[in-house]
Each structure stands twice: as C-alpha cells, then as structure tokens.
Protein backbone atom coordinates (compact mmCIF):
# COMPACT_ATOMS: atom_id res chain seq x y z
CA MET A 1 82.82 102.68 85.18
CA THR A 2 84.93 100.56 82.81
CA ALA A 3 88.07 98.57 83.48
CA ALA A 4 90.11 101.34 81.88
CA ASP A 5 88.36 103.93 84.00
CA PRO A 6 88.79 102.87 87.65
CA GLY A 7 87.85 105.58 90.06
CA ARG A 8 87.76 108.38 87.52
CA GLY A 9 85.57 111.08 88.94
CA ALA A 10 82.64 112.57 87.12
CA HIS A 11 84.55 115.85 86.83
CA GLY A 12 87.81 114.39 85.53
CA GLN A 13 89.37 113.78 88.92
CA PRO A 14 92.46 111.58 88.96
CA ALA A 15 92.02 107.81 89.15
CA ALA A 16 94.98 107.84 91.56
CA ILE A 17 97.30 110.44 93.05
CA LEU A 18 100.68 109.12 94.17
CA ILE A 19 102.43 110.78 97.09
CA GLY A 20 105.55 109.93 99.05
CA PRO A 21 109.06 111.11 99.87
CA PRO A 22 111.90 111.63 97.40
CA GLY A 23 112.99 108.24 96.11
CA ALA A 24 109.65 106.54 96.74
CA GLY A 25 109.23 105.77 93.04
CA LYS A 26 106.22 107.98 92.30
CA THR A 27 107.24 108.63 88.70
CA THR A 28 108.29 105.07 87.86
CA VAL A 29 105.39 103.39 89.63
CA GLY A 30 102.87 106.00 88.47
CA ALA A 31 103.75 105.44 84.82
CA LEU A 32 103.43 101.66 85.29
CA VAL A 33 100.05 101.96 87.04
CA ALA A 34 98.74 104.25 84.30
CA ALA A 35 99.88 101.81 81.61
CA ARG A 36 98.20 98.88 83.37
CA LEU A 37 94.95 100.83 83.64
CA GLY A 38 95.07 102.33 80.15
CA LEU A 39 95.20 105.88 81.51
CA ASP A 40 97.43 108.90 81.01
CA PHE A 41 100.19 109.62 83.52
CA VAL A 42 101.34 113.06 84.63
CA ASP A 43 104.24 113.90 86.91
CA ALA A 44 103.57 117.29 88.52
CA ASP A 45 107.29 118.08 88.65
CA VAL A 46 107.53 117.70 84.86
CA VAL A 47 104.60 120.10 84.42
CA ILE A 48 106.30 122.55 86.79
CA GLU A 49 109.54 122.33 84.79
CA GLU A 50 107.65 122.92 81.54
CA ALA A 51 105.85 125.94 83.02
CA ALA A 52 109.08 127.44 84.40
CA GLY A 53 111.21 126.51 81.40
CA LYS A 54 113.88 125.01 83.64
CA PRO A 55 114.54 122.04 85.94
CA VAL A 56 113.16 121.98 89.49
CA GLY A 57 116.70 122.25 90.91
CA ASP A 58 117.28 125.44 88.92
CA ILE A 59 113.99 126.92 90.15
CA PHE A 60 115.14 126.38 93.75
CA VAL A 61 118.60 127.82 93.15
CA GLN A 62 117.65 130.74 90.89
CA ASP A 63 114.19 131.68 92.15
CA GLY A 64 114.08 130.24 95.67
CA GLU A 65 111.93 127.67 97.41
CA GLU A 66 109.04 130.11 97.89
CA ALA A 67 108.73 130.65 94.12
CA PHE A 68 108.89 126.91 93.52
CA ARG A 69 106.20 126.19 96.15
CA ALA A 70 103.87 128.83 94.64
CA LEU A 71 104.22 127.25 91.20
CA GLU A 72 103.85 123.76 92.69
CA ARG A 73 100.69 124.80 94.56
CA ALA A 74 99.05 126.23 91.42
CA ILE A 75 99.96 123.29 89.19
CA SER A 76 98.99 120.70 91.81
CA ALA A 77 95.56 122.34 92.17
CA ARG A 78 95.02 122.33 88.41
CA LEU A 79 96.05 118.68 88.06
CA ILE A 80 94.11 117.43 91.09
CA GLY A 81 91.03 119.17 89.78
CA GLY A 82 91.23 118.05 86.20
CA HIS A 83 93.62 115.23 85.31
CA PRO A 84 91.55 112.06 84.77
CA GLY A 85 94.49 109.64 84.83
CA VAL A 86 97.26 108.83 87.28
CA LEU A 87 99.07 111.77 88.90
CA ALA A 88 102.36 111.88 90.82
CA LEU A 89 102.84 114.87 93.12
CA GLY A 90 106.21 116.14 94.26
CA GLY A 91 107.31 114.98 97.69
CA GLY A 92 106.72 118.37 99.31
CA ALA A 93 103.40 119.24 97.66
CA ILE A 94 101.51 117.85 100.66
CA LEU A 95 103.00 120.50 102.94
CA ASP A 96 100.62 123.09 101.50
CA PRO A 97 97.30 123.19 103.44
CA GLY A 98 95.34 124.05 100.29
CA THR A 99 96.79 121.06 98.47
CA ARG A 100 95.95 118.81 101.43
CA ASP A 101 92.36 120.09 101.30
CA LEU A 102 92.17 119.26 97.59
CA LEU A 103 93.44 115.73 98.29
CA ALA A 104 90.65 115.02 100.80
CA GLY A 105 88.32 112.38 99.40
CA GLN A 106 90.65 111.56 96.49
CA ARG A 107 92.23 108.17 95.74
CA VAL A 108 95.58 109.08 97.27
CA VAL A 109 98.18 106.32 97.11
CA TYR A 110 101.01 106.74 99.60
CA LEU A 111 104.21 105.00 98.52
CA GLU A 112 105.61 104.21 101.95
CA THR A 113 109.41 104.22 101.92
CA GLY A 114 111.79 103.82 104.84
CA PHE A 115 114.84 105.99 105.48
CA THR A 116 117.37 103.45 104.21
CA SER A 117 115.50 102.84 100.96
CA ALA A 118 114.92 106.56 100.38
CA VAL A 119 118.62 107.31 100.91
CA HIS A 120 119.64 104.47 98.59
CA ARG A 121 117.14 105.36 95.86
CA THR A 122 118.00 109.05 95.82
CA GLY A 123 121.68 108.19 95.59
CA LEU A 124 122.31 111.30 97.67
CA ASP A 125 124.15 112.67 94.64
CA ALA A 126 121.10 113.32 92.50
CA PRO A 127 120.12 116.95 91.91
CA ARG A 128 117.45 117.10 94.61
CA PRO A 129 117.32 120.70 95.77
CA LEU A 130 116.07 120.07 99.30
CA LEU A 131 118.84 117.58 100.00
CA LEU A 132 121.72 120.03 99.59
CA GLY A 133 124.24 120.28 102.42
CA ASN A 134 124.11 117.20 104.68
CA PRO A 135 121.85 114.98 102.57
CA ARG A 136 121.38 112.16 105.10
CA ALA A 137 120.42 114.53 107.89
CA ARG A 138 118.14 116.51 105.57
CA MET A 139 116.45 113.31 104.34
CA LYS A 140 115.89 112.20 107.94
CA THR A 141 114.33 115.58 108.79
CA LEU A 142 112.16 115.54 105.64
CA LEU A 143 110.86 112.08 106.46
CA GLU A 144 110.16 112.94 110.09
CA GLU A 145 108.05 115.97 109.14
CA ARG A 146 106.31 114.47 106.13
CA LEU A 147 105.60 110.80 106.94
CA PRO A 148 102.67 111.55 109.27
CA VAL A 149 101.16 113.86 106.62
CA TYR A 150 101.52 111.25 103.87
CA ALA A 151 99.91 108.63 106.09
CA SER A 152 97.01 110.91 107.07
CA LEU A 153 96.16 111.62 103.42
CA ALA A 154 96.39 108.03 102.20
CA TRP A 155 93.46 106.08 100.86
CA ILE A 156 95.89 103.26 100.08
CA THR A 157 99.31 102.81 101.68
CA VAL A 158 101.67 100.61 99.70
CA PRO A 159 105.04 99.60 101.18
CA THR A 160 107.86 99.94 98.64
CA ASP A 161 110.97 98.80 100.51
CA ASP A 162 112.68 95.79 98.89
CA ARG A 163 110.03 95.60 96.15
CA GLU A 164 110.24 95.94 92.38
CA PRO A 165 108.32 98.83 90.78
CA LYS A 166 106.26 96.42 88.65
CA ASP A 167 105.09 94.54 91.75
CA ILE A 168 104.12 97.79 93.47
CA ALA A 169 102.26 98.92 90.34
CA ASP A 170 100.45 95.58 90.09
CA GLU A 171 99.25 95.92 93.70
CA ILE A 172 98.03 99.47 93.17
CA ALA A 173 96.27 98.63 89.90
CA ALA A 174 94.52 95.67 91.53
CA ARG A 175 93.39 97.82 94.47
CA LEU A 176 92.08 100.50 92.11
CA ALA A 177 90.16 98.02 90.00
CA PRO A 178 86.37 98.30 89.78
CA GLY A 179 84.71 96.68 92.76
CA THR A 180 87.43 97.82 95.13
CA SER A 181 85.38 99.73 97.65
CA SER A 182 88.00 101.02 100.02
CA GLY A 183 91.66 101.52 100.63
CA ASN A 184 93.51 100.66 103.80
CA GLY A 185 91.04 102.22 106.19
CA HIS A 186 93.26 105.25 106.82
CA GLY A 187 92.93 108.77 105.57
CA PRO A 188 89.94 110.16 103.75
CA ALA A 189 87.11 108.10 102.38
CA ALA A 190 87.48 107.09 98.77
CA PRO A 191 85.30 108.80 96.22
CA GLN A 192 82.22 106.84 95.29
CA PRO A 193 82.14 105.59 91.70
C-alpha cells in the first residue's frame, strides 16, 4: 500500500466512506480528504442527480421518496463495491439494511454533528427535501433515528462541531494513513491492508 493508496481494497473498495446527517460536511470534507490522499472523490448524491437527470429535491417532489431511495440504494451499492477513492453517502443511505450490510468491514467515517450545528449548517432554507414543513422538528427527528445507526457503522468517528473542514479532513487523512491499524474501536473492524 502506498501513501496515496491508504486502505484501498484489493477489489477497488473505497479508501473511506463518509456518513453523517445533513449539514455534517460530507461533501466538503470528503473532497478535502481525497485531495490530501491523492484519490478521487465521489458524492453519491451527485451520481444520483446525474442518473436521474434532475436534482435530489426534484426527485423527491416529482417521483417520491420511494423512487429516490431505490435509486440511492442501487448507486450506493455500485459505489461501495467499486469506487477506490473517497465516497460520501447521502444522510439517509444508511437506513437501507442492504446498504448497512455493504458498509460492514469498510472504512466508514462518521462525521458526528450535533443538532445545533446541523441546523446552522443546513440553514433550514436550503432545498433539503426531507426537511420540508417544520425543519427544526424534522431535523431533530432525523437525528434521533439516524445517530445510533451512524455510530454503529463507524470505523472512525470524527466530531465536527466548531471545527473547520480542513482540520476535520487533516484528522481523517492522518487516521487513514498507512500504519493506522484501527479506528475508534466502535463499529465494524477495519479492512486489513
């Protein structure tokens, strides 16, 4: 394994898969981590939008959540199984049992974000389809149902509250570096290099 190839699986598995709630910084931090490691970065939501030919919000409104989740499930499976760089999954991708199974044994990085930070970062006026209606109450409900799942899947948990994206990315890149044998002791075991 080379410095530019930390944790890359023999079958093109991702070097890192970022998960977390809306506003955690998966896209921003993921791109920074990939750049530091000399790897490609893919945001699953962007791939979904390209496949559907429209933004995620439009998929929810025009086609419904069920259609979005089916597309998300298929694209997440393809990317988890074959993207050799850094991957950011959508906040709700982990709700699918099949996706959770695919994440077992992967280098899953959970960007831990508290309610206040998530509310601030999403702006509550951004086009986030699952936050329509009462956005604060919906965000609270989303976090309550998802936080335990994120934590259970994590190989590394990285707190993001009151931190700059570059500092978060630096921590993740350092923890993914060759010679790093384990994450935070939670979640599945890391793949062996």
